[in-house]
Protein backbone atom coordinates (compact mmCIF):
# COMPACT_ATOMS: atom_id res chain seq x y z
CA UNK A 1 164.40 113.22 -20.94
CA UNK A 2 162.34 113.61 -17.92
CA UNK A 3 160.12 110.48 -16.06
CA UNK A 4 157.32 110.26 -13.38
CA UNK A 5 159.97 108.96 -10.83
CA UNK A 6 162.29 111.85 -11.08
CA UNK A 7 159.60 113.75 -10.11
CA UNK A 8 158.37 111.08 -7.18
CA UNK A 9 162.15 111.10 -5.66
CA UNK A 10 162.29 115.02 -5.90
CA UNK A 11 159.02 115.80 -4.18
CA UNK A 12 160.07 112.77 -1.37
CA UNK A 13 163.48 114.65 -1.00
CA UNK A 14 161.71 117.75 -0.24
CA UNK A 15 159.50 115.80 2.31
CA UNK A 16 162.16 114.00 4.33
CA UNK A 17 164.57 116.72 4.21
CA UNK A 18 167.53 114.27 3.87
CA UNK A 19 168.94 111.66 1.15
CA UNK A 20 169.09 109.06 3.72
CA UNK A 21 165.04 109.46 4.77
CA UNK A 22 164.28 110.30 1.48
CA UNK A 23 165.50 106.77 0.17
CA UNK A 24 163.95 104.94 2.70
CA UNK A 25 160.72 106.48 1.90
CA UNK A 26 161.06 105.03 -1.87
CA UNK A 27 162.50 101.64 -0.63
CA UNK A 28 165.84 102.61 -2.27
CA UNK A 29 169.32 102.48 -0.75
CA UNK A 30 170.97 105.66 -0.22
CA UNK A 31 173.21 105.18 -3.12
CA UNK A 32 170.53 104.36 -5.56
CA UNK A 33 168.88 107.48 -4.90
CA UNK A 34 172.01 109.82 -5.58
CA UNK A 35 172.99 107.77 -8.29
CA UNK A 36 169.36 108.68 -9.75
CA UNK A 37 170.03 112.40 -9.32
CA UNK A 38 173.20 112.20 -10.80
CA UNK A 39 172.20 110.71 -13.60
CA UNK A 40 169.13 113.24 -14.09
CA UNK A 41 171.41 116.18 -13.66
CA UNK A 42 174.13 114.97 -15.76
CA UNK A 43 170.93 114.64 -18.72
CA UNK A 44 169.78 118.52 -17.89
CA UNK A 45 173.19 119.93 -17.09
CA UNK A 46 172.03 121.34 -13.98
CA UNK A 47 172.12 121.11 -10.58
CA UNK A 48 169.06 120.21 -8.65
CA UNK A 49 169.85 121.03 -4.96
CA UNK A 50 173.00 121.78 -2.88
CA UNK A 51 174.65 118.74 -1.06
CA UNK A 52 175.05 118.69 2.35
CA UNK A 53 172.88 120.92 3.05
CA UNK A 54 169.67 120.62 5.99
CA UNK A 55 167.21 121.36 5.56
CA UNK A 56 167.72 120.28 1.72
CA UNK A 57 167.92 123.62 -0.12
CA UNK A 58 167.07 123.57 -4.08
CA UNK A 59 168.26 125.37 -7.03
CA UNK A 60 166.00 126.97 -8.96
CA UNK A 61 165.98 124.05 -11.65
CA UNK A 62 165.32 122.18 -8.58
CA UNK A 63 162.53 124.24 -7.40
CA UNK A 64 161.31 124.42 -11.36
CA UNK A 65 160.84 120.52 -11.38
CA UNK A 66 159.34 120.42 -7.81
CA UNK A 67 156.53 123.10 -9.15
CA UNK A 68 156.28 120.68 -11.98
CA UNK A 69 155.64 117.71 -9.55
CA UNK A 70 153.26 119.69 -7.53
CA UNK A 71 151.13 119.90 -10.34
CA UNK A 72 151.55 116.60 -12.05
CA UNK A 73 151.56 114.43 -9.39
CA UNK A 74 147.94 114.76 -7.86
CA UNK A 75 146.81 114.79 -11.41
CA UNK A 76 148.16 111.36 -11.76
CA UNK A 77 147.07 110.03 -8.63
CA UNK A 78 143.52 111.52 -9.96
CA UNK A 79 143.84 109.49 -13.61
CA UNK A 80 144.67 106.10 -11.48
CA UNK A 81 141.75 105.95 -9.68
CA UNK A 82 139.76 107.23 -13.05
CA UNK A 83 141.43 104.36 -14.33
CA UNK A 84 140.72 102.21 -11.29
CA UNK A 85 136.64 103.20 -11.54
CA UNK A 86 136.41 102.32 -15.32
CA UNK A 87 137.90 98.71 -14.21
CA UNK A 88 135.08 98.59 -12.01
CA UNK A 89 136.97 98.96 -8.40
CA UNK A 90 134.86 101.84 -7.09
CA UNK A 91 132.39 100.56 -5.17
CA UNK A 92 132.93 98.64 -1.74
CA UNK A 93 133.51 98.87 2.07
CA UNK A 94 136.29 100.39 4.13
CA UNK A 95 134.85 99.88 7.69
CA UNK A 96 138.22 100.30 10.36
CA UNK A 97 138.96 100.38 13.89
CA UNK A 98 141.83 101.98 15.56
CA UNK A 99 143.99 100.86 18.53
CA UNK A 100 146.17 103.99 19.11
CA UNK A 101 144.32 107.05 20.42
CA UNK A 102 146.82 109.25 18.87
CA UNK A 103 146.19 108.68 15.42
CA UNK A 104 143.51 110.84 15.05
CA UNK A 105 146.36 113.58 14.22
CA UNK A 106 146.90 111.92 10.79
CA UNK A 107 144.14 109.59 10.29
CA UNK A 108 141.26 112.49 9.90
CA UNK A 109 142.82 114.04 7.04
CA UNK A 110 143.61 110.88 5.42
CA UNK A 111 139.74 110.10 5.81
CA UNK A 112 139.03 113.23 4.24
CA UNK A 113 141.04 112.84 1.26
CA UNK A 114 139.71 109.64 1.04
CA UNK A 115 136.23 110.52 0.97
CA UNK A 116 136.81 112.97 -2.12
CA UNK A 117 138.37 110.42 -3.82
CA UNK A 118 136.04 107.35 -3.39
CA UNK A 119 132.88 108.90 -2.43
CA UNK A 120 131.01 105.35 -3.56
CA UNK A 121 133.05 103.30 -0.86
CA UNK A 122 130.81 102.61 2.45
CA UNK A 123 133.54 104.28 5.23
CA UNK A 124 132.76 103.97 8.57
CA UNK A 125 135.69 104.92 11.47
CA UNK A 126 135.18 103.02 15.51
CA UNK A 127 137.37 103.56 18.29
CA UNK A 128 139.33 99.99 18.80
CA UNK A 129 139.62 100.72 22.61
CA UNK A 130 136.26 98.58 23.69
CA UNK A 131 136.41 95.90 21.82
CA UNK A 132 139.09 93.61 20.42
CA UNK A 133 139.49 94.81 16.85
CA UNK A 134 141.81 92.04 15.48
CA UNK A 135 139.50 89.19 15.87
CA UNK A 136 136.96 91.49 13.90
CA UNK A 137 139.07 91.97 11.21
CA UNK A 138 139.59 87.86 11.23
CA UNK A 139 135.54 87.29 11.50
CA UNK A 140 135.00 90.13 8.38
CA UNK A 141 133.66 92.78 10.77
CA UNK A 142 136.28 95.01 9.74
CA UNK A 143 138.23 95.39 6.82
CA UNK A 144 141.23 97.33 8.34
CA UNK A 145 142.58 97.79 12.05
CA UNK A 146 145.46 100.34 12.87
CA UNK A 147 147.49 98.25 15.29
CA UNK A 148 151.19 98.79 16.63
CA UNK A 149 150.60 95.36 18.04
CA UNK A 150 150.09 92.41 15.16
CA UNK A 151 148.90 89.57 15.88
CA UNK A 152 149.41 86.39 13.63
CA UNK A 153 145.75 85.53 12.65
CA UNK A 154 145.13 83.48 9.37
CA UNK A 155 144.06 85.90 6.48
CA UNK A 156 145.33 88.94 8.22
CA UNK A 157 148.08 90.88 6.10
CA UNK A 158 149.83 93.93 8.16
CA UNK A 159 151.34 96.47 6.43
CA UNK A 160 153.61 98.80 7.91
CA UNK A 161 152.67 102.31 7.82
CA UNK A 162 155.61 104.14 9.53
CA UNK A 163 158.31 103.80 12.47
CA UNK A 164 158.15 105.94 15.24
CA UNK A 165 160.27 106.69 18.40
CA UNK A 166 158.31 105.80 22.22
CA UNK A 167 159.38 108.80 24.81
CA UNK A 168 158.93 109.86 28.46
CA UNK A 169 156.92 112.94 28.80
CA UNK A 170 158.39 114.34 32.00
CA UNK A 171 157.91 117.97 33.98
CA UNK A 172 160.55 120.59 32.83
CA UNK A 173 161.81 120.79 35.93
CA UNK A 174 161.65 116.91 36.88
CA UNK A 175 165.41 115.81 38.43
CA UNK A 176 164.67 113.11 34.86
CA UNK A 177 164.69 116.40 32.49
CA UNK A 178 168.24 116.25 33.24
CA UNK A 179 169.23 112.52 32.59
CA UNK A 180 170.49 111.68 28.49
CA UNK A 181 167.81 108.98 28.98
CA UNK A 182 165.78 107.24 31.53
CA UNK A 183 166.51 103.73 32.52
CA UNK A 184 163.40 101.24 34.17
CA UNK A 185 164.33 101.96 37.71
CA UNK A 186 163.93 105.56 37.15
CA UNK A 187 160.32 105.20 37.01
CA UNK A 188 160.31 102.86 40.05
CA UNK A 189 158.73 106.08 42.65
CA UNK A 190 156.54 107.58 39.99
CA UNK A 191 153.24 107.78 38.61
CA UNK A 192 152.86 106.95 35.00
CA UNK A 193 150.07 108.29 33.59
CA UNK A 194 148.86 105.98 30.30
CA UNK A 195 145.86 105.64 27.67
CA UNK A 196 142.64 104.23 30.04
CA UNK A 197 143.84 100.56 27.80
CA UNK A 198 145.47 97.15 29.03
CA UNK A 199 148.81 96.63 30.34
CA UNK A 200 149.69 94.61 27.02
CA UNK A 201 149.30 96.61 24.57
CA UNK A 202 151.25 99.71 26.41
CA UNK A 203 155.21 99.25 24.77
CA UNK A 204 156.16 101.36 27.71
CA UNK A 205 155.02 98.34 30.19
CA UNK A 206 155.86 95.01 28.01
CA UNK A 207 158.87 96.33 25.88
CA UNK A 208 160.18 98.67 28.97
CA UNK A 209 159.29 97.91 32.08
CA UNK A 210 158.17 94.45 32.65
CA UNK A 211 161.51 92.54 31.22
CA UNK A 212 163.41 94.71 33.82
CA UNK A 213 160.75 93.64 36.51
CA UNK A 214 159.67 97.44 37.41
CA UNK A 215 156.56 98.37 38.77
CA UNK A 216 155.63 102.18 38.64
CA UNK A 217 154.34 103.25 42.17
CA UNK A 218 151.57 104.48 40.66
CA UNK A 219 149.24 104.26 37.43
CA UNK A 220 146.48 107.11 36.52
CA UNK A 221 144.72 107.03 32.65
CA UNK A 222 143.17 109.57 31.26
CA UNK A 223 141.56 109.89 27.61
CA UNK A 224 142.74 112.65 26.08
CA UNK A 225 146.88 113.79 25.18
CA UNK A 226 146.12 117.64 25.75
CA UNK A 227 145.07 116.17 29.77
CA UNK A 228 148.10 114.15 29.89
CA UNK A 229 150.23 116.32 29.38
CA UNK A 230 148.76 119.05 31.28
CA UNK A 231 149.03 116.48 34.15
CA UNK A 232 152.92 115.99 33.50
CA UNK A 233 153.55 119.63 33.06
CA UNK A 234 152.45 120.23 36.86
CA UNK A 235 154.27 117.82 38.14
CA UNK A 236 151.70 115.20 38.63
CA UNK A 237 153.31 112.26 36.62
CA UNK A 238 155.31 110.93 33.59
CA UNK A 239 153.84 109.69 30.45
CA UNK A 240 155.43 107.80 27.30
CA UNK A 241 153.77 108.55 23.91
CA UNK A 242 154.70 108.33 20.83
CA UNK A 243 157.22 111.29 19.89
CA UNK A 244 155.26 112.28 17.02
CA UNK A 245 152.23 112.90 19.16
CA UNK A 246 153.93 114.32 22.13
CA UNK A 247 156.36 116.85 19.35
CA UNK A 248 153.52 119.96 19.77
CA UNK A 249 154.23 119.70 23.24
CA UNK A 250 157.70 119.52 23.73
CA UNK A 251 158.26 122.21 21.09
CA UNK A 252 156.65 124.65 22.83
CA UNK A 253 158.50 123.86 25.86
CA UNK A 254 155.53 122.87 28.05
CA UNK A 255 157.00 119.27 28.77
CA UNK A 256 160.36 117.92 28.51
CA UNK A 257 160.73 114.62 26.08
CA UNK A 258 163.22 111.71 26.74
CA UNK A 259 164.78 108.59 25.24
CA UNK A 260 163.41 105.42 27.01
CA UNK A 261 166.64 103.28 27.35
CA UNK A 262 170.26 104.52 25.53
CA UNK A 263 169.32 102.97 22.08
CA UNK A 264 165.55 104.50 22.55
CA UNK A 265 162.38 102.14 22.01
CA UNK A 266 160.91 101.96 18.46
CA UNK A 267 157.85 100.74 17.51
CA UNK A 268 155.88 100.56 13.89
CA UNK A 269 152.56 100.90 13.70
CA UNK A 270 150.65 98.84 11.09
CA UNK A 271 147.40 98.59 9.08
CA UNK A 272 146.20 95.14 9.15
CA UNK A 273 143.88 94.05 6.30
CA UNK A 274 142.51 91.05 5.78
CA UNK A 275 143.95 89.13 2.66
CA UNK A 276 140.81 89.51 0.57
CA UNK A 277 140.76 93.01 0.17
CA UNK A 278 144.60 93.69 -0.19
CA UNK A 279 144.20 93.95 -4.06
CA UNK A 280 141.09 96.31 -4.34
CA UNK A 281 141.83 99.62 -5.58
CA UNK A 282 140.46 101.64 -3.07
CA UNK A 283 142.41 100.01 -0.61
CA UNK A 284 145.50 100.26 -1.99
CA UNK A 285 144.90 103.96 -2.15
CA UNK A 286 143.86 104.58 1.16
CA UNK A 287 147.16 102.67 2.08
CA UNK A 288 148.85 105.17 -0.37
CA UNK A 289 146.85 108.37 1.09
CA UNK A 290 148.16 107.29 4.85
CA UNK A 291 151.67 106.90 4.37
CA UNK A 292 151.70 110.31 2.39
CA UNK A 293 149.67 112.27 5.20
CA UNK A 294 151.91 110.44 7.83
CA UNK A 295 155.09 111.80 6.67
CA UNK A 296 153.49 114.86 5.81
CA UNK A 297 151.92 115.81 9.39
CA UNK A 298 154.01 114.07 12.12
CA UNK A 299 157.38 114.81 13.28
CA UNK A 300 159.90 112.24 13.87
CA UNK A 301 158.62 109.41 11.85
CA UNK A 302 160.29 107.10 9.59
CA UNK A 303 159.56 104.70 6.85
CA UNK A 304 158.95 101.35 7.83
CA UNK A 305 160.85 98.46 6.66
CA UNK A 306 158.39 95.64 7.23
């Protein structure tokens, strides 16, 4: 009566908190996911969750199946890893670099889980801020690069991890805090605080300011997100960040987050991987773990569509 896919869909619904987002994570249409739940509920003769509630409210039956999912799905993942080891896919190398200062928030828990699951794999992490990681990936010096700026290179495949919204952090008392959204001209007289990377790797320049031929009055850099937020909160500039990196500061009222443009500025984070590494069992497991961890720990991200 029960199938693994049923437990996975219930688990996704709890993590996503809505049918729409759960369907995105499972790469299904909302209609297909609703049909799957309806079919299961008809088999069981019991409702599993209350429709049109947010956050999703599960019935006693739904909670019992979630309890089973929490117990069974990790065991299933462990068994799959063991099968991969038995098939000889245990050893290997995973050298990676990141082009995202804020990525440590979800990447470090991912790496911790991966080390426990694949102790035989040689794992190394480097910052991609002081060198060009994608050419190093193409040369074979690296095995994976986390980037939001994929470049078409021979032998490199980009696997989408998640989509996020780039936003602008302003001081609570800043005049822009009262606007529904920010337009490029609003930043012409502002000090823009960024990470110390090239402008062509910052979406706020390449996709927001430069197309409108707008230049901020001044650019200031900082290595640390917390320092950037302190500068913003004290009125010494504004800062563009992913919504998930800014959330803990805006949620606590330290700064105000504003949308860039009336429709928002969205981007996707990718894992760039050499094609010869895609089928390695440990690489597939790392990507699954990275996606699970990002959705579990980050606010405001959604399933990437490619």
